Amino acid sequence: MVSMCRWCFLLFLFFCFVSFGIDSPARDFKTPEQALKDAFPDARIEVKNIVLSKEQVEKIERLSGVKLGTRLVSWYIARRGNSIVGYAYIDTHIVRTHPEVVLYTLTPDGKIDIVQVISFNEPLEYMPDENWLKLFRGKSLTGESLRLKRDIPNMTGATLTSRAITDNTRKVLAMWRVIFGGER
């Protein structure tokens, strides 16, 4: 009889965790290091910490329409031999009330290659699926591009997540353009 009560108690705890959304480590999908290694296999990845000038911040915010929030940014440059094979930026932002961490990788010419969620602390039903994230592949920052419900469809029931990823994609592309793409 005691073992039956123990199972009932464990089952009760399981349903409490599921029902009340108690955070679990399963929400962290990959470490940033693993995500970078998977995005750029066999590449040497170097970190470039950059303190943006006031003018660069203003330019990035004007190009993207998104507040930057910090002048210190860390970019990852992937190289094979002497050639750059891509760039990456890991962005942490608040979706509704909790942080989301997203890896953005860019091609050497500044187009989005991969958008991957590496940590998501909102309820999992608001998390974007891989097919939606693949809509960003090949996108660059041109004019009024990359707007939710115009260029990128909204995820039904997850508008805040859709907006956060779309807006921050523009921010990342604007940063790349100002820092690496010759935009002055």
N, C-alpha and C. Protein backbone atom coordinates (compact mmCIF):
# COMPACT_ATOMS: atom_id res chain seq x y z
N MET A 1 0.82 -1.19 0.00
CA MET A 1 0.00 0.00 0.00
C MET A 1 0.87 1.26 0.00
N VAL A 2 1.99 1.23 0.70
CA VAL A 2 2.87 2.40 0.77
C VAL A 2 3.43 2.71 -0.62
N SER A 3 3.84 1.69 -1.38
CA SER A 3 4.41 1.96 -2.70
C SER A 3 3.37 2.56 -3.64
N MET A 4 2.11 2.18 -3.52
CA MET A 4 1.05 2.76 -4.34
C MET A 4 0.90 4.25 -4.02
N CYS A 5 0.98 4.63 -2.77
CA CYS A 5 0.88 6.04 -2.37
C CYS A 5 2.06 6.83 -2.92
N ARG A 6 3.23 6.23 -2.90
CA ARG A 6 4.42 6.90 -3.42
C ARG A 6 4.25 7.18 -4.91
N TRP A 7 3.75 6.20 -5.66
CA TRP A 7 3.51 6.39 -7.10
C TRP A 7 2.46 7.48 -7.33
N CYS A 8 1.43 7.47 -6.54
CA CYS A 8 0.40 8.51 -6.67
C CYS A 8 0.99 9.89 -6.41
N PHE A 9 1.83 9.98 -5.39
CA PHE A 9 2.46 11.25 -5.06
C PHE A 9 3.38 11.71 -6.21
N LEU A 10 4.18 10.79 -6.75
CA LEU A 10 5.06 11.14 -7.87
C LEU A 10 4.26 11.56 -9.10
N LEU A 11 3.18 10.87 -9.35
CA LEU A 11 2.32 11.23 -10.47
C LEU A 11 1.70 12.61 -10.25
N PHE A 12 1.28 12.88 -9.03
CA PHE A 12 0.73 14.18 -8.68
C PHE A 12 1.77 15.28 -8.93
N LEU A 13 3.01 15.07 -8.49
CA LEU A 13 4.07 16.05 -8.70
C LEU A 13 4.32 16.29 -10.19
N PHE A 14 4.33 15.21 -10.96
CA PHE A 14 4.53 15.34 -12.40
C PHE A 14 3.45 16.23 -13.02
N PHE A 15 2.21 15.99 -12.68
CA PHE A 15 1.12 16.80 -13.24
C PHE A 15 1.19 18.25 -12.75
N CYS A 16 1.67 18.48 -11.55
CA CYS A 16 1.84 19.84 -11.07
C CYS A 16 2.89 20.57 -11.91
N PHE A 17 4.00 19.90 -12.17
CA PHE A 17 5.05 20.52 -12.98
C PHE A 17 4.53 20.84 -14.37
N VAL A 18 3.82 19.93 -14.99
CA VAL A 18 3.30 20.13 -16.33
C VAL A 18 2.20 21.19 -16.33
N SER A 19 1.27 21.10 -15.41
CA SER A 19 0.11 21.99 -15.40
C SER A 19 0.45 23.43 -15.05
N PHE A 20 1.36 23.62 -14.13
CA PHE A 20 1.64 24.96 -13.66
C PHE A 20 2.88 25.58 -14.29
N GLY A 21 3.47 24.89 -15.27
CA GLY A 21 4.57 25.46 -16.02
C GLY A 21 5.81 25.73 -15.21
N ILE A 22 6.07 24.93 -14.21
CA ILE A 22 7.28 25.11 -13.42
C ILE A 22 8.46 24.87 -14.35
N ASP A 23 9.41 25.81 -14.31
CA ASP A 23 10.54 25.73 -15.22
C ASP A 23 11.31 24.44 -15.04
N SER A 24 11.72 23.90 -16.15
CA SER A 24 12.53 22.69 -16.13
C SER A 24 13.73 22.90 -17.02
N PRO A 25 14.82 22.16 -16.79
CA PRO A 25 16.01 22.34 -17.61
C PRO A 25 15.79 21.94 -19.06
N ALA A 26 14.70 21.27 -19.39
CA ALA A 26 14.43 20.87 -20.77
C ALA A 26 14.20 22.08 -21.67
N ARG A 27 14.01 23.25 -21.10
CA ARG A 27 13.79 24.45 -21.90
C ARG A 27 15.10 24.98 -22.49
N ASP A 28 16.22 24.59 -21.95
CA ASP A 28 17.51 24.96 -22.51
C ASP A 28 17.91 23.86 -23.48
N PHE A 29 17.96 24.22 -24.74
CA PHE A 29 18.09 23.21 -25.76
C PHE A 29 19.53 22.87 -26.09
N LYS A 30 20.39 23.87 -26.24
CA LYS A 30 21.81 23.67 -26.52
C LYS A 30 22.57 24.76 -25.80
N THR A 31 23.79 24.48 -25.50
CA THR A 31 24.64 25.56 -25.00
C THR A 31 25.01 26.44 -26.20
N PRO A 32 25.33 27.69 -25.95
CA PRO A 32 25.77 28.52 -27.08
C PRO A 32 26.97 27.92 -27.81
N GLU A 33 27.89 27.34 -27.07
CA GLU A 33 29.07 26.74 -27.69
C GLU A 33 28.69 25.60 -28.62
N GLN A 34 27.76 24.75 -28.18
CA GLN A 34 27.33 23.63 -29.01
C GLN A 34 26.56 24.11 -30.24
N ALA A 35 25.72 25.11 -30.06
CA ALA A 35 24.96 25.66 -31.19
C ALA A 35 25.90 26.26 -32.23
N LEU A 36 26.94 26.97 -31.79
CA LEU A 36 27.92 27.53 -32.72
C LEU A 36 28.70 26.44 -33.43
N LYS A 37 29.09 25.42 -32.70
CA LYS A 37 29.84 24.31 -33.29
C LYS A 37 28.98 23.59 -34.34
N ASP A 38 27.70 23.41 -34.05
CA ASP A 38 26.80 22.75 -35.00
C ASP A 38 26.54 23.62 -36.23
N ALA A 39 26.47 24.93 -36.03
CA ALA A 39 26.22 25.85 -37.14
C ALA A 39 27.42 25.96 -38.08
N PHE A 40 28.61 25.87 -37.52
CA PHE A 40 29.84 26.02 -38.30
C PHE A 40 30.78 24.83 -38.05
N PRO A 41 30.42 23.65 -38.55
CA PRO A 41 31.28 22.48 -38.30
C PRO A 41 32.67 22.68 -38.91
N ASP A 42 33.66 22.21 -38.20
CA ASP A 42 35.06 22.27 -38.64
C ASP A 42 35.57 23.70 -38.85
N ALA A 43 34.92 24.66 -38.23
CA ALA A 43 35.39 26.05 -38.35
C ALA A 43 36.02 26.49 -37.04
N ARG A 44 36.94 27.43 -37.15
CA ARG A 44 37.54 28.06 -35.98
C ARG A 44 36.66 29.27 -35.66
N ILE A 45 36.18 29.35 -34.46
CA ILE A 45 35.26 30.44 -34.10
C ILE A 45 35.97 31.37 -33.13
N GLU A 46 36.01 32.63 -33.52
CA GLU A 46 36.62 33.63 -32.65
C GLU A 46 35.54 34.60 -32.18
N VAL A 47 35.72 35.10 -30.97
CA VAL A 47 34.79 36.05 -30.40
C VAL A 47 35.34 37.44 -30.60
N LYS A 48 34.47 38.33 -31.05
CA LYS A 48 34.87 39.73 -31.23
C LYS A 48 33.95 40.58 -30.36
N ASN A 49 34.48 41.07 -29.23
CA ASN A 49 33.73 41.96 -28.35
C ASN A 49 33.93 43.38 -28.86
N ILE A 50 32.81 44.07 -29.06
CA ILE A 50 32.85 45.39 -29.68
C ILE A 50 32.09 46.38 -28.81
N VAL A 51 32.72 47.52 -28.56
CA VAL A 51 32.02 48.63 -27.91
C VAL A 51 31.61 49.57 -29.02
N LEU A 52 30.31 49.66 -29.24
CA LEU A 52 29.78 50.50 -30.31
C LEU A 52 29.84 51.97 -29.94
N SER A 53 30.12 52.79 -30.91
CA SER A 53 30.08 54.24 -30.69
C SER A 53 28.62 54.67 -30.61
N LYS A 54 28.41 55.86 -30.10
CA LYS A 54 27.06 56.41 -30.02
C LYS A 54 26.46 56.50 -31.43
N GLU A 55 27.27 56.87 -32.40
CA GLU A 55 26.81 56.99 -33.79
C GLU A 55 26.41 55.63 -34.35
N GLN A 56 27.19 54.59 -34.04
CA GLN A 56 26.85 53.24 -34.50
C GLN A 56 25.52 52.77 -33.90
N VAL A 57 25.32 53.02 -32.61
CA VAL A 57 24.07 52.64 -31.94
C VAL A 57 22.90 53.34 -32.62
N GLU A 58 23.03 54.64 -32.86
CA GLU A 58 21.95 55.39 -33.51
C GLU A 58 21.66 54.85 -34.90
N LYS A 59 22.70 54.51 -35.64
CA LYS A 59 22.55 53.97 -37.00
C LYS A 59 21.85 52.61 -36.96
N ILE A 60 22.25 51.74 -36.04
CA ILE A 60 21.64 50.42 -35.90
C ILE A 60 20.17 50.56 -35.54
N GLU A 61 19.87 51.43 -34.60
CA GLU A 61 18.48 51.62 -34.18
C GLU A 61 17.63 52.22 -35.30
N ARG A 62 18.21 53.10 -36.10
CA ARG A 62 17.47 53.70 -37.21
C ARG A 62 17.21 52.66 -38.31
N LEU A 63 18.23 51.86 -38.63
CA LEU A 63 18.08 50.83 -39.66
C LEU A 63 17.09 49.74 -39.27
N SER A 64 17.11 49.36 -37.99
CA SER A 64 16.30 48.22 -37.55
C SER A 64 14.95 48.61 -36.97
N GLY A 65 14.86 49.83 -36.42
CA GLY A 65 13.64 50.22 -35.72
C GLY A 65 13.52 49.57 -34.36
N VAL A 66 14.65 49.08 -33.84
CA VAL A 66 14.67 48.37 -32.55
C VAL A 66 15.72 49.02 -31.66
N LYS A 67 15.37 49.24 -30.38
CA LYS A 67 16.31 49.76 -29.39
C LYS A 67 17.39 48.72 -29.13
N LEU A 68 18.63 49.16 -29.07
CA LEU A 68 19.74 48.24 -28.86
C LEU A 68 19.91 47.86 -27.40
N GLY A 69 19.85 48.80 -26.49
CA GLY A 69 19.92 48.48 -25.08
C GLY A 69 21.31 48.37 -24.50
N THR A 70 22.33 48.18 -25.33
CA THR A 70 23.70 48.08 -24.85
C THR A 70 24.65 48.52 -25.94
N ARG A 71 25.80 49.01 -25.54
CA ARG A 71 26.82 49.37 -26.52
C ARG A 71 27.86 48.27 -26.68
N LEU A 72 27.89 47.33 -25.72
CA LEU A 72 28.83 46.22 -25.79
C LEU A 72 28.15 45.02 -26.43
N VAL A 73 28.66 44.57 -27.56
CA VAL A 73 28.10 43.41 -28.25
C VAL A 73 29.21 42.41 -28.52
N SER A 74 28.85 41.15 -28.55
CA SER A 74 29.81 40.08 -28.85
C SER A 74 29.36 39.35 -30.10
N TRP A 75 30.19 39.38 -31.10
CA TRP A 75 29.94 38.67 -32.35
C TRP A 75 30.90 37.50 -32.46
N TYR A 76 30.49 36.48 -33.18
CA TYR A 76 31.31 35.31 -33.42
C TYR A 76 31.62 35.26 -34.90
N ILE A 77 32.89 35.08 -35.21
CA ILE A 77 33.32 34.99 -36.60
C ILE A 77 33.86 33.58 -36.82
N ALA A 78 33.28 32.88 -37.79
CA ALA A 78 33.69 31.51 -38.10
C ALA A 78 34.61 31.53 -39.31
N ARG A 79 35.75 30.89 -39.16
CA ARG A 79 36.75 30.85 -40.24
C ARG A 79 37.19 29.42 -40.52
N ARG A 80 37.46 29.19 -41.78
CA ARG A 80 38.14 27.97 -42.21
C ARG A 80 39.36 28.46 -42.99
N GLY A 81 40.52 28.13 -42.47
CA GLY A 81 41.73 28.71 -43.05
C GLY A 81 41.70 30.21 -42.82
N ASN A 82 41.90 30.97 -43.90
CA ASN A 82 41.87 32.44 -43.81
C ASN A 82 40.52 33.01 -44.25
N SER A 83 39.59 32.15 -44.62
CA SER A 83 38.30 32.61 -45.14
C SER A 83 37.23 32.67 -44.06
N ILE A 84 36.45 33.73 -44.08
CA ILE A 84 35.30 33.82 -43.19
C ILE A 84 34.17 33.01 -43.81
N VAL A 85 33.63 32.08 -43.03
CA VAL A 85 32.51 31.25 -43.53
C VAL A 85 31.18 31.70 -42.95
N GLY A 86 31.22 32.59 -41.97
CA GLY A 86 29.97 33.10 -41.43
C GLY A 86 30.19 33.90 -40.16
N TYR A 87 29.10 34.52 -39.74
CA TYR A 87 29.07 35.32 -38.53
C TYR A 87 27.93 34.81 -37.67
N ALA A 88 28.02 35.06 -36.37
CA ALA A 88 26.92 34.67 -35.49
C ALA A 88 26.77 35.70 -34.38
N TYR A 89 25.54 35.80 -33.93
CA TYR A 89 25.22 36.67 -32.80
C TYR A 89 24.21 35.94 -31.94
N ILE A 90 24.45 35.93 -30.64
CA ILE A 90 23.52 35.30 -29.71
C ILE A 90 22.80 36.43 -28.98
N ASP A 91 21.49 36.49 -29.20
CA ASP A 91 20.68 37.57 -28.67
C ASP A 91 19.79 37.06 -27.54
N THR A 92 19.79 37.78 -26.44
CA THR A 92 18.89 37.49 -25.32
C THR A 92 17.91 38.65 -25.22
N HIS A 93 16.64 38.31 -25.23
CA HIS A 93 15.61 39.34 -25.13
C HIS A 93 14.40 38.78 -24.38
N ILE A 94 13.56 39.67 -23.91
CA ILE A 94 12.36 39.27 -23.18
C ILE A 94 11.22 39.15 -24.20
N VAL A 95 10.48 38.06 -24.14
CA VAL A 95 9.35 37.88 -25.05
C VAL A 95 8.10 38.49 -24.41
N ARG A 96 7.69 37.95 -23.34
CA ARG A 96 6.51 38.47 -22.63
C ARG A 96 6.99 38.91 -21.26
N THR A 97 7.40 37.94 -20.45
CA THR A 97 7.95 38.27 -19.13
C THR A 97 9.23 37.49 -18.86
N HIS A 98 9.59 36.59 -19.76
CA HIS A 98 10.76 35.73 -19.53
C HIS A 98 11.73 35.83 -20.71
N PRO A 99 13.01 35.52 -20.46
CA PRO A 99 14.00 35.62 -21.53
C PRO A 99 13.92 34.48 -22.54
N GLU A 100 14.35 34.83 -23.73
CA GLU A 100 14.52 33.88 -24.82
C GLU A 100 15.93 34.15 -25.35
N VAL A 101 16.65 33.09 -25.69
CA VAL A 101 17.98 33.24 -26.26
C VAL A 101 17.95 32.64 -27.65
N VAL A 102 18.38 33.44 -28.63
CA VAL A 102 18.31 33.01 -30.02
C VAL A 102 19.68 33.18 -30.67
N LEU A 103 20.09 32.15 -31.39
CA LEU A 103 21.31 32.21 -32.19
C LEU A 103 20.93 32.63 -33.59
N TYR A 104 21.58 33.68 -34.09
CA TYR A 104 21.41 34.13 -35.47
C TYR A 104 22.74 33.91 -36.16
N THR A 105 22.76 33.15 -37.25
CA THR A 105 23.98 33.04 -38.04
C THR A 105 23.75 33.73 -39.37
N LEU A 106 24.83 34.33 -39.87
CA LEU A 106 24.77 35.06 -41.12
C LEU A 106 25.83 34.54 -42.07
N THR A 107 25.53 34.62 -43.34
CA THR A 107 26.49 34.25 -44.37
C THR A 107 27.58 35.33 -44.44
N PRO A 108 28.68 35.07 -45.13
CA PRO A 108 29.73 36.08 -45.22
C PRO A 108 29.26 37.40 -45.85
N ASP A 109 28.19 37.35 -46.65
CA ASP A 109 27.69 38.59 -47.27
C ASP A 109 26.52 39.20 -46.49
N GLY A 110 26.27 38.74 -45.27
CA GLY A 110 25.32 39.39 -44.38
C GLY A 110 23.87 39.00 -44.54
N LYS A 111 23.60 37.79 -45.01
CA LYS A 111 22.23 37.29 -45.08
C LYS A 111 22.01 36.26 -43.98
N ILE A 112 20.78 36.19 -43.48
CA ILE A 112 20.48 35.22 -42.43
C ILE A 112 20.65 33.81 -42.97
N ASP A 113 21.32 32.99 -42.20
CA ASP A 113 21.45 31.58 -42.55
C ASP A 113 20.59 30.74 -41.61
N ILE A 114 20.85 30.85 -40.30
CA ILE A 114 20.12 30.05 -39.31
C ILE A 114 19.57 30.98 -38.23
N VAL A 115 18.33 30.72 -37.84
CA VAL A 115 17.76 31.32 -36.64
C VAL A 115 17.36 30.14 -35.78
N GLN A 116 17.97 30.04 -34.60
CA GLN A 116 17.73 28.88 -33.74
C GLN A 116 17.52 29.33 -32.30
N VAL A 117 16.44 28.89 -31.72
CA VAL A 117 16.16 29.17 -30.31
C VAL A 117 17.01 28.22 -29.48
N ILE A 118 17.83 28.78 -28.57
CA ILE A 118 18.65 27.91 -27.73
C ILE A 118 18.22 27.91 -26.27
N SER A 119 17.32 28.82 -25.92
CA SER A 119 16.70 28.78 -24.60
C SER A 119 15.37 29.54 -24.69
N PHE A 120 14.34 28.95 -24.09
CA PHE A 120 13.00 29.54 -24.16
C PHE A 120 12.33 29.33 -22.83
N ASN A 121 12.01 30.42 -22.14
CA ASN A 121 11.46 30.30 -20.79
C ASN A 121 10.00 30.70 -20.68
N GLU A 122 9.38 31.01 -21.80
CA GLU A 122 7.93 31.22 -21.83
C GLU A 122 7.28 29.84 -21.93
N PRO A 123 5.97 29.74 -21.79
CA PRO A 123 5.31 28.44 -22.00
C PRO A 123 5.65 27.88 -23.39
N LEU A 124 5.93 26.60 -23.45
CA LEU A 124 6.41 25.99 -24.69
C LEU A 124 5.43 26.08 -25.85
N GLU A 125 4.14 26.29 -25.58
CA GLU A 125 3.20 26.42 -26.70
C GLU A 125 3.43 27.72 -27.49
N TYR A 126 4.22 28.65 -26.96
CA TYR A 126 4.53 29.89 -27.66
C TYR A 126 5.86 29.82 -28.41
N MET A 127 6.52 28.70 -28.34
CA MET A 127 7.82 28.57 -28.98
C MET A 127 7.67 28.35 -30.49
N PRO A 128 8.49 29.01 -31.29
CA PRO A 128 8.40 28.83 -32.74
C PRO A 128 8.91 27.46 -33.18
N ASP A 129 8.31 26.93 -34.23
CA ASP A 129 8.82 25.66 -34.75
C ASP A 129 9.88 25.93 -35.82
N GLU A 130 10.60 24.88 -36.19
CA GLU A 130 11.72 25.03 -37.14
C GLU A 130 11.27 25.54 -38.49
N ASN A 131 10.10 25.12 -38.96
CA ASN A 131 9.63 25.59 -40.27
C ASN A 131 9.42 27.09 -40.29
N TRP A 132 8.88 27.64 -39.20
CA TRP A 132 8.70 29.09 -39.14
C TRP A 132 10.05 29.79 -39.11
N LEU A 133 10.99 29.27 -38.33
CA LEU A 133 12.31 29.89 -38.23
C LEU A 133 13.05 29.86 -39.58
N LYS A 134 12.79 28.84 -40.38
CA LYS A 134 13.45 28.74 -41.70
C LYS A 134 12.99 29.82 -42.67
N LEU A 135 11.88 30.50 -42.37
CA LEU A 135 11.41 31.59 -43.23
C LEU A 135 12.40 32.75 -43.29
N PHE A 136 13.30 32.84 -42.32
CA PHE A 136 14.26 33.93 -42.27
C PHE A 136 15.49 33.67 -43.14
N ARG A 137 15.72 32.42 -43.52
CA ARG A 137 16.92 32.07 -44.29
C ARG A 137 16.98 32.88 -45.59
N GLY A 138 18.14 33.47 -45.82
CA GLY A 138 18.37 34.25 -47.04
C GLY A 138 17.92 35.70 -46.95
N LYS A 139 17.29 36.08 -45.83
CA LYS A 139 16.80 37.45 -45.69
C LYS A 139 17.96 38.38 -45.35
N SER A 140 17.85 39.59 -45.86
CA SER A 140 18.82 40.64 -45.53
C SER A 140 18.03 41.89 -45.20
N LEU A 141 18.73 42.90 -44.78
CA LEU A 141 18.08 44.14 -44.39
C LEU A 141 18.02 45.07 -45.59
N THR A 142 16.84 45.19 -46.16
CA THR A 142 16.65 46.10 -47.29
C THR A 142 15.36 46.88 -47.07
N GLY A 143 15.48 48.20 -47.02
CA GLY A 143 14.31 49.05 -46.89
C GLY A 143 13.42 48.68 -45.73
N GLU A 144 12.16 48.45 -46.01
CA GLU A 144 11.16 48.11 -44.99
C GLU A 144 10.95 46.59 -44.89
N SER A 145 11.95 45.81 -45.22
CA SER A 145 11.79 44.35 -45.20
C SER A 145 11.79 43.81 -43.78
N LEU A 146 11.44 42.58 -43.68
CA LEU A 146 11.39 41.84 -42.42
C LEU A 146 10.42 42.45 -41.42
N ARG A 147 9.20 42.58 -41.83
CA ARG A 147 8.14 43.06 -40.95
C ARG A 147 7.15 41.93 -40.73
N LEU A 148 6.79 41.76 -39.48
CA LEU A 148 5.82 40.74 -39.11
C LEU A 148 4.48 41.05 -39.77
N LYS A 149 3.83 40.03 -40.26
CA LYS A 149 2.54 40.07 -40.95
C LYS A 149 2.64 40.68 -42.35
N ARG A 150 3.83 41.12 -42.75
CA ARG A 150 4.05 41.57 -44.12
C ARG A 150 4.97 40.59 -44.83
N ASP A 151 6.21 40.53 -44.35
CA ASP A 151 7.20 39.64 -44.96
C ASP A 151 7.29 38.30 -44.24
N ILE A 152 6.97 38.31 -42.98
CA ILE A 152 7.02 37.10 -42.14
C ILE A 152 5.64 36.89 -41.54
N PRO A 153 5.04 35.71 -41.77
CA PRO A 153 3.71 35.47 -41.20
C PRO A 153 3.76 35.34 -39.68
N ASN A 154 2.69 35.76 -39.05
CA ASN A 154 2.58 35.64 -37.60
C ASN A 154 2.32 34.17 -37.24
N MET A 155 2.82 33.75 -36.10
CA MET A 155 2.48 32.42 -35.58
C MET A 155 1.21 32.60 -34.75
N THR A 156 0.16 31.95 -35.14
CA THR A 156 -1.10 32.07 -34.42
C THR A 156 -0.91 31.66 -32.97
N GLY A 157 -1.34 32.52 -32.07
CA GLY A 157 -1.23 32.24 -30.65
C GLY A 157 0.12 32.56 -30.05
N ALA A 158 1.05 33.03 -30.87
CA ALA A 158 2.40 33.33 -30.37
C ALA A 158 2.90 34.65 -30.98
N THR A 159 2.05 35.64 -30.99
CA THR A 159 2.39 36.92 -31.60
C THR A 159 3.60 37.58 -30.94
N LEU A 160 3.70 37.52 -29.63
CA LEU A 160 4.83 38.17 -28.95
C LEU A 160 6.16 37.51 -29.33
N THR A 161 6.16 36.19 -29.43
CA THR A 161 7.36 35.48 -29.85
C THR A 161 7.69 35.83 -31.30
N SER A 162 6.68 35.83 -32.15
CA SER A 162 6.89 36.17 -33.57
C SER A 162 7.49 37.56 -33.71
N ARG A 163 6.93 38.50 -32.99
CA ARG A 163 7.41 39.89 -33.07
C ARG A 163 8.84 39.99 -32.53
N ALA A 164 9.11 39.34 -31.39
CA ALA A 164 10.44 39.43 -30.80
C ALA A 164 11.51 38.89 -31.74
N ILE A 165 11.27 37.74 -32.33
CA ILE A 165 12.28 37.15 -33.22
C ILE A 165 12.42 37.97 -34.50
N THR A 166 11.32 38.42 -35.06
CA THR A 166 11.38 39.22 -36.29
C THR A 166 12.10 40.55 -36.04
N ASP A 167 11.72 41.25 -34.99
CA ASP A 167 12.36 42.53 -34.68
C ASP A 167 13.85 42.35 -34.41
N ASN A 168 14.20 41.33 -33.65
CA ASN A 168 15.60 41.13 -33.31
C ASN A 168 16.41 40.62 -34.49
N THR A 169 15.77 39.99 -35.46
CA THR A 169 16.47 39.64 -36.70
C THR A 169 16.88 40.92 -37.43
N ARG A 170 15.98 41.90 -37.50
CA ARG A 170 16.33 43.19 -38.11
C ARG A 170 17.49 43.84 -37.34
N LYS A 171 17.43 43.77 -36.02
CA LYS A 171 18.49 44.37 -35.20
C LYS A 171 19.84 43.72 -35.49
N VAL A 172 19.86 42.39 -35.57
CA VAL A 172 21.10 41.66 -35.84
C VAL A 172 21.63 42.01 -37.23
N LEU A 173 20.74 42.06 -38.22
CA LEU A 173 21.16 42.41 -39.58
C LEU A 173 21.70 43.84 -39.63
N ALA A 174 21.07 44.75 -38.91
CA ALA A 174 21.55 46.14 -38.88
C ALA A 174 22.91 46.22 -38.20
N MET A 175 23.10 45.47 -37.11
CA MET A 175 24.42 45.45 -36.45
C MET A 175 25.48 44.94 -37.41
N TRP A 176 25.18 43.84 -38.11
CA TRP A 176 26.16 43.27 -39.04
C TRP A 176 26.52 44.32 -40.09
N ARG A 177 25.50 44.98 -40.63
CA ARG A 177 25.74 45.97 -41.68
C ARG A 177 26.64 47.09 -41.17
N VAL A 178 26.38 47.60 -39.98
CA VAL A 178 27.16 48.72 -39.44
C VAL A 178 28.56 48.27 -39.05
N ILE A 179 28.69 47.10 -38.45
CA ILE A 179 30.01 46.64 -37.97
C ILE A 179 30.86 46.03 -39.05
N PHE A 180 30.28 45.13 -39.85
CA PHE A 180 31.07 44.36 -40.82
C PHE A 180 30.77 44.69 -42.27
N GLY A 181 29.61 45.26 -42.56
CA GLY A 181 29.18 45.42 -43.94
C GLY A 181 29.53 46.74 -44.60
N GLY A 182 30.29 47.56 -43.92
CA GLY A 182 30.74 48.79 -44.55
C GLY A 182 29.77 49.95 -44.44
N GLU A 183 28.66 49.80 -43.73
CA GLU A 183 27.70 50.90 -43.55
C GLU A 183 28.30 51.89 -42.56
N ARG A 184 28.42 53.10 -42.93
CA ARG A 184 29.00 54.10 -42.03
C ARG A 184 28.04 55.19 -41.75
